[in-house]
PDB file of all heavy atoms in Angstrom:
ATOM      1  N   ASP A   1       0.288  -7.913  -3.898  1.00  0.00           N
ATOM      2  CA  ASP A   1       1.362  -8.824  -4.060  1.00  0.00           C
ATOM      3  C   ASP A   1       1.019 -10.272  -3.949  1.00  0.00           C
ATOM      4  O   ASP A   1      -0.206 -10.594  -3.849  1.00  0.00           O
ATOM      5  CB  ASP A   1       2.514  -8.461  -3.058  1.00  0.00           C
ATOM      6  CG  ASP A   1       2.200  -8.703  -1.606  1.00  0.00           C
ATOM      7  OD1 ASP A   1       1.189  -9.414  -1.270  1.00  0.00           O
ATOM      8  OD2 ASP A   1       2.990  -8.321  -0.715  1.00  0.00           O
ATOM      9  N   ASN A   2       1.989 -11.164  -3.930  1.00  0.00           N
ATOM     10  CA  ASN A   2       1.684 -12.533  -3.893  1.00  0.00           C
ATOM     11  C   ASN A   2       1.057 -13.104  -2.625  1.00  0.00           C
ATOM     12  O   ASN A   2       0.528 -14.226  -2.544  1.00  0.00           O
ATOM     13  CB  ASN A   2       2.928 -13.461  -4.269  1.00  0.00           C
ATOM     14  CG  ASN A   2       4.039 -13.262  -3.253  1.00  0.00           C
ATOM     15  OD1 ASN A   2       4.130 -12.254  -2.579  1.00  0.00           O
ATOM     16  ND2 ASN A   2       4.830 -14.208  -3.019  1.00  0.00           N
ATOM     17  N   LEU A   3       1.101 -12.277  -1.507  1.00  0.00           N
ATOM     18  CA  LEU A   3       0.447 -12.625  -0.343  1.00  0.00           C
ATOM     19  C   LEU A   3      -0.760 -11.847  -0.094  1.00  0.00           C
ATOM     20  O   LEU A   3      -1.415 -11.936   0.996  1.00  0.00           O
ATOM     21  CB  LEU A   3       1.515 -12.305   0.852  1.00  0.00           C
ATOM     22  CG  LEU A   3       2.804 -13.088   0.866  1.00  0.00           C
ATOM     23  CD1 LEU A   3       3.740 -12.688   2.048  1.00  0.00           C
ATOM     24  CD2 LEU A   3       2.484 -14.572   1.017  1.00  0.00           C
ATOM     25  N   GLY A   4      -1.274 -11.232  -1.072  1.00  0.00           N
ATOM     26  CA  GLY A   4      -2.529 -10.437  -1.029  1.00  0.00           C
ATOM     27  C   GLY A   4      -2.425  -9.113  -0.304  1.00  0.00           C
ATOM     28  O   GLY A   4      -3.468  -8.472  -0.045  1.00  0.00           O
ATOM     29  N   ARG A   5      -1.196  -8.713  -0.066  1.00  0.00           N
ATOM     30  CA  ARG A   5      -1.003  -7.375   0.614  1.00  0.00           C
ATOM     31  C   ARG A   5      -0.965  -6.217  -0.433  1.00  0.00           C
ATOM     32  O   ARG A   5      -0.803  -6.443  -1.625  1.00  0.00           O
ATOM     33  CB  ARG A   5       0.261  -7.352   1.407  1.00  0.00           C
ATOM     34  CG  ARG A   5       0.345  -8.445   2.441  1.00  0.00           C
ATOM     35  CD  ARG A   5       1.742  -8.610   2.987  1.00  0.00           C
ATOM     36  NE  ARG A   5       2.799  -8.821   2.038  1.00  0.00           N
ATOM     37  CZ  ARG A   5       4.004  -9.103   2.418  1.00  0.00           C
ATOM     38  NH1 ARG A   5       4.429  -9.106   3.633  1.00  0.00           N
ATOM     39  NH2 ARG A   5       4.901  -9.286   1.409  1.00  0.00           N
ATOM     40  N   ILE A   6      -1.202  -4.952   0.031  1.00  0.00           N
ATOM     41  CA  ILE A   6      -1.205  -3.795  -0.721  1.00  0.00           C
ATOM     42  C   ILE A   6       0.159  -3.084  -0.804  1.00  0.00           C
ATOM     43  O   ILE A   6       0.711  -2.765   0.285  1.00  0.00           O
ATOM     44  CB  ILE A   6      -2.265  -2.819  -0.297  1.00  0.00           C
ATOM     45  CG1 ILE A   6      -3.620  -3.491  -0.311  1.00  0.00           C
ATOM     46  CG2 ILE A   6      -2.175  -1.536  -1.168  1.00  0.00           C
ATOM     47  CD1 ILE A   6      -4.694  -2.624   0.391  1.00  0.00           C
ATOM     48  N   PRO A   7       0.933  -3.119  -1.900  1.00  0.00           N
ATOM     49  CA  PRO A   7       2.228  -2.439  -1.981  1.00  0.00           C
ATOM     50  C   PRO A   7       2.067  -1.014  -1.794  1.00  0.00           C
ATOM     51  O   PRO A   7       1.164  -0.326  -2.222  1.00  0.00           O
ATOM     52  CB  PRO A   7       2.711  -2.793  -3.390  1.00  0.00           C
ATOM     53  CG  PRO A   7       1.865  -3.958  -3.863  1.00  0.00           C
ATOM     54  CD  PRO A   7       0.443  -3.695  -3.238  1.00  0.00           C
ATOM     55  N   VAL A   8       2.975  -0.458  -0.994  1.00  0.00           N
ATOM     56  CA  VAL A   8       3.111   1.009  -0.624  1.00  0.00           C
ATOM     57  C   VAL A   8       4.445   1.491  -0.750  1.00  0.00           C
ATOM     58  O   VAL A   8       5.426   0.700  -0.569  1.00  0.00           O
ATOM     59  CB  VAL A   8       2.445   1.336   0.699  1.00  0.00           C
ATOM     60  CG1 VAL A   8       1.010   1.032   0.720  1.00  0.00           C
ATOM     61  CG2 VAL A   8       3.108   0.655   1.831  1.00  0.00           C
ATOM     62  N   ASN A   9       4.704   2.831  -0.782  1.00  0.00           N
ATOM     63  CA  ASN A   9       6.025   3.356  -0.753  1.00  0.00           C
ATOM     64  C   ASN A   9       6.346   3.778   0.729  1.00  0.00           C
ATOM     65  O   ASN A   9       5.479   3.437   1.688  1.00  0.00           O
ATOM     66  CB  ASN A   9       6.221   4.641  -1.640  1.00  0.00           C
ATOM     67  CG  ASN A   9       5.247   5.689  -1.364  1.00  0.00           C
ATOM     68  OD1 ASN A   9       4.736   5.814  -0.294  1.00  0.00           O
ATOM     69  ND2 ASN A   9       5.041   6.519  -2.348  1.00  0.00           N
ATOM     70  N   SER A  10       7.357   4.518   1.003  1.00  0.00           N
ATOM     71  CA  SER A  10       7.816   4.798   2.397  1.00  0.00           C
ATOM     72  C   SER A  10       6.797   5.765   3.014  1.00  0.00           C
ATOM     73  O   SER A  10       6.837   5.966   4.212  1.00  0.00           O
ATOM     74  CB  SER A  10       9.171   5.460   2.366  1.00  0.00           C
ATOM     75  OG  SER A  10       9.226   6.601   1.647  1.00  0.00           O
ATOM     76  N   LYS A  11       5.966   6.436   2.219  1.00  0.00           N
ATOM     77  CA  LYS A  11       4.892   7.362   2.764  1.00  0.00           C
ATOM     78  C   LYS A  11       3.517   6.620   2.894  1.00  0.00           C
ATOM     79  O   LYS A  11       2.552   7.280   3.221  1.00  0.00           O
ATOM     80  CB  LYS A  11       4.769   8.567   1.774  1.00  0.00           C
ATOM     81  CG  LYS A  11       5.989   9.296   1.500  1.00  0.00           C
ATOM     82  CD  LYS A  11       6.417  10.086   2.697  1.00  0.00           C
ATOM     83  CE  LYS A  11       7.630  11.008   2.309  1.00  0.00           C
ATOM     84  NZ  LYS A  11       8.226  11.714   3.494  1.00  0.00           N
ATOM     85  N   PHE A  12       3.573   5.312   2.636  1.00  0.00           N
ATOM     86  CA  PHE A  12       2.384   4.493   2.697  1.00  0.00           C
ATOM     87  C   PHE A  12       1.333   4.821   1.542  1.00  0.00           C
ATOM     88  O   PHE A  12       0.222   4.537   1.664  1.00  0.00           O
ATOM     89  CB  PHE A  12       1.643   4.537   4.103  1.00  0.00           C
ATOM     90  CG  PHE A  12       2.637   4.185   5.103  1.00  0.00           C
ATOM     91  CD1 PHE A  12       3.244   5.022   6.083  1.00  0.00           C
ATOM     92  CD2 PHE A  12       3.025   2.787   5.366  1.00  0.00           C
ATOM     93  CE1 PHE A  12       4.218   4.697   6.908  1.00  0.00           C
ATOM     94  CE2 PHE A  12       3.943   2.420   6.257  1.00  0.00           C
ATOM     95  CZ  PHE A  12       4.529   3.441   7.121  1.00  0.00           C
ATOM     96  N   GLN A  13       1.886   5.316   0.497  1.00  0.00           N
ATOM     97  CA  GLN A  13       1.163   5.658  -0.725  1.00  0.00           C
ATOM     98  C   GLN A  13       1.187   4.523  -1.619  1.00  0.00           C
ATOM     99  O   GLN A  13       2.219   3.848  -1.883  1.00  0.00           O
ATOM    100  CB  GLN A  13       1.774   6.902  -1.331  1.00  0.00           C
ATOM    101  CG  GLN A  13       0.859   7.695  -2.271  1.00  0.00           C
ATOM    102  CD  GLN A  13       1.532   9.000  -2.725  1.00  0.00           C
ATOM    103  OE1 GLN A  13       2.823   9.079  -2.763  1.00  0.00           O
ATOM    104  NE2 GLN A  13       0.875  10.019  -3.004  1.00  0.00           N
ATOM    105  N   THR A  14      -0.047   4.154  -2.153  1.00  0.00           N
ATOM    106  CA  THR A  14      -0.132   3.058  -3.163  1.00  0.00           C
ATOM    107  C   THR A  14       0.263   3.631  -4.589  1.00  0.00           C
ATOM    108  O   THR A  14       0.561   4.667  -4.768  1.00  0.00           O
ATOM    109  CB  THR A  14      -1.598   2.470  -3.136  1.00  0.00           C
ATOM    110  OG1 THR A  14      -2.493   3.462  -3.742  1.00  0.00           O
ATOM    111  CG2 THR A  14      -2.029   2.122  -1.810  1.00  0.00           C
ATOM    112  N   GLU A  15       0.006   2.698  -5.495  1.00  0.00           N
ATOM    113  CA  GLU A  15       0.105   3.112  -6.978  1.00  0.00           C
ATOM    114  C   GLU A  15      -0.745   4.206  -7.341  1.00  0.00           C
ATOM    115  O   GLU A  15      -0.329   4.945  -8.244  1.00  0.00           O
ATOM    116  CB  GLU A  15      -0.182   1.888  -7.814  1.00  0.00           C
ATOM    117  CG  GLU A  15       0.698   0.703  -7.655  1.00  0.00           C
ATOM    118  CD  GLU A  15       0.337  -0.516  -8.446  1.00  0.00           C
ATOM    119  OE1 GLU A  15      -0.562  -1.317  -8.017  1.00  0.00           O
ATOM    120  OE2 GLU A  15       0.786  -0.627  -9.638  1.00  0.00           O
ATOM    121  N   VAL A  16      -1.828   4.377  -6.635  1.00  0.00           N
ATOM    122  CA  VAL A  16      -2.691   5.484  -6.862  1.00  0.00           C
ATOM    123  C   VAL A  16      -2.351   6.582  -5.886  1.00  0.00           C
ATOM    124  O   VAL A  16      -2.536   6.402  -4.622  1.00  0.00           O
ATOM    125  CB  VAL A  16      -4.288   5.055  -6.753  1.00  0.00           C
ATOM    126  CG1 VAL A  16      -5.148   6.250  -6.995  1.00  0.00           C
ATOM    127  CG2 VAL A  16      -4.478   3.987  -7.696  1.00  0.00           C
ATOM    128  N   PRO A  17      -1.898   7.895  -6.282  1.00  0.00           N
ATOM    129  CA  PRO A  17      -1.456   8.871  -5.369  1.00  0.00           C
ATOM    130  C   PRO A  17      -2.382   9.318  -4.296  1.00  0.00           C
ATOM    131  O   PRO A  17      -1.968   9.642  -3.194  1.00  0.00           O
ATOM    132  CB  PRO A  17      -1.112   9.960  -6.222  1.00  0.00           C
ATOM    133  CG  PRO A  17      -0.850   9.382  -7.604  1.00  0.00           C
ATOM    134  CD  PRO A  17      -1.723   8.104  -7.678  1.00  0.00           C
ATOM    135  N   THR A  18      -3.640   9.222  -4.485  1.00  0.00           N
ATOM    136  CA  THR A  18      -4.605   9.652  -3.498  1.00  0.00           C
ATOM    137  C   THR A  18      -4.966   8.551  -2.494  1.00  0.00           C
ATOM    138  O   THR A  18      -5.782   8.794  -1.507  1.00  0.00           O
ATOM    139  CB  THR A  18      -5.970  10.206  -4.225  1.00  0.00           C
ATOM    140  OG1 THR A  18      -6.429   9.042  -5.026  1.00  0.00           O
ATOM    141  CG2 THR A  18      -5.757  11.254  -5.027  1.00  0.00           C
ATOM    142  N   ILE A  19      -4.540   7.342  -2.656  1.00  0.00           N
ATOM    143  CA  ILE A  19      -4.886   6.253  -1.825  1.00  0.00           C
ATOM    144  C   ILE A  19      -3.666   5.743  -1.015  1.00  0.00           C
ATOM    145  O   ILE A  19      -2.631   5.394  -1.632  1.00  0.00           O
ATOM    146  CB  ILE A  19      -5.601   5.072  -2.658  1.00  0.00           C
ATOM    147  CG1 ILE A  19      -6.788   5.584  -3.442  1.00  0.00           C
ATOM    148  CG2 ILE A  19      -5.883   3.869  -1.664  1.00  0.00           C
ATOM    149  CD1 ILE A  19      -7.441   4.619  -4.297  1.00  0.00           C
ATOM    150  N   TYR A  20      -3.839   5.554   0.258  1.00  0.00           N
ATOM    151  CA  TYR A  20      -2.753   5.114   1.070  1.00  0.00           C
ATOM    152  C   TYR A  20      -3.262   3.794   1.824  1.00  0.00           C
ATOM    153  O   TYR A  20      -4.403   3.482   1.783  1.00  0.00           O
ATOM    154  CB  TYR A  20      -2.433   6.150   2.181  1.00  0.00           C
ATOM    155  CG  TYR A  20      -1.784   7.382   1.635  1.00  0.00           C
ATOM    156  CD1 TYR A  20      -2.626   8.333   0.840  1.00  0.00           C
ATOM    157  CD2 TYR A  20      -0.563   7.806   1.972  1.00  0.00           C
ATOM    158  CE1 TYR A  20      -2.059   9.477   0.396  1.00  0.00           C
ATOM    159  CE2 TYR A  20       0.013   9.012   1.508  1.00  0.00           C
ATOM    160  CZ  TYR A  20      -0.742   9.816   0.676  1.00  0.00           C
ATOM    161  OH  TYR A  20      -0.214  10.896   0.184  1.00  0.00           O
ATOM    162  N   ALA A  21      -2.218   2.997   2.366  1.00  0.00           N
ATOM    163  CA  ALA A  21      -2.595   1.741   3.129  1.00  0.00           C
ATOM    164  C   ALA A  21      -1.595   1.533   4.303  1.00  0.00           C
ATOM    165  O   ALA A  21      -0.436   1.975   4.204  1.00  0.00           O
ATOM    166  CB  ALA A  21      -2.528   0.551   2.154  1.00  0.00           C
ATOM    167  N   ILE A  22      -2.104   1.038   5.348  1.00  0.00           N
ATOM    168  CA  ILE A  22      -1.306   0.853   6.533  1.00  0.00           C
ATOM    169  C   ILE A  22      -1.721  -0.368   7.217  1.00  0.00           C
ATOM    170  O   ILE A  22      -2.757  -0.968   7.025  1.00  0.00           O
ATOM    171  CB  ILE A  22      -1.543   2.103   7.589  1.00  0.00           C
ATOM    172  CG1 ILE A  22      -2.995   2.219   7.916  1.00  0.00           C
ATOM    173  CG2 ILE A  22      -0.979   3.312   7.002  1.00  0.00           C
ATOM    174  CD1 ILE A  22      -3.255   3.245   9.085  1.00  0.00           C
ATOM    175  N   GLY A  23      -0.919  -0.873   8.233  1.00  0.00           N
ATOM    176  CA  GLY A  23      -1.332  -1.961   9.116  1.00  0.00           C
ATOM    177  C   GLY A  23      -1.138  -3.322   8.490  1.00  0.00           C
ATOM    178  O   GLY A  23      -0.225  -3.592   7.694  1.00  0.00           O
ATOM    179  N   ASP A  24      -1.917  -4.288   8.912  1.00  0.00           N
ATOM    180  CA  ASP A  24      -1.792  -5.619   8.551  1.00  0.00           C
ATOM    181  C   ASP A  24      -1.951  -5.957   7.015  1.00  0.00           C
ATOM    182  O   ASP A  24      -1.594  -6.903   6.557  1.00  0.00           O
ATOM    183  CB  ASP A  24      -2.721  -6.522   9.349  1.00  0.00           C
ATOM    184  CG  ASP A  24      -2.396  -6.655  10.741  1.00  0.00           C
ATOM    185  OD1 ASP A  24      -1.376  -6.063  11.249  1.00  0.00           O
ATOM    186  OD2 ASP A  24      -3.091  -7.483  11.529  1.00  0.00           O
ATOM    187  N   CYS A  25      -2.634  -5.072   6.402  1.00  0.00           N
ATOM    188  CA  CYS A  25      -2.930  -5.205   4.954  1.00  0.00           C
ATOM    189  C   CYS A  25      -1.671  -4.860   4.091  1.00  0.00           C
ATOM    190  O   CYS A  25      -1.773  -4.945   2.798  1.00  0.00           O
ATOM    191  CB  CYS A  25      -4.150  -4.466   4.475  1.00  0.00           C
ATOM    192  SG  CYS A  25      -4.089  -2.674   4.548  1.00  0.00           S
TER     193      CYS A  25
END
């Protein structure tokens, strides 16, 4: 996103279904 963060859904899943992201990023 515009702040350099990784967008995720409510399950912390990214646009790529096998990759998740959590925390400060």
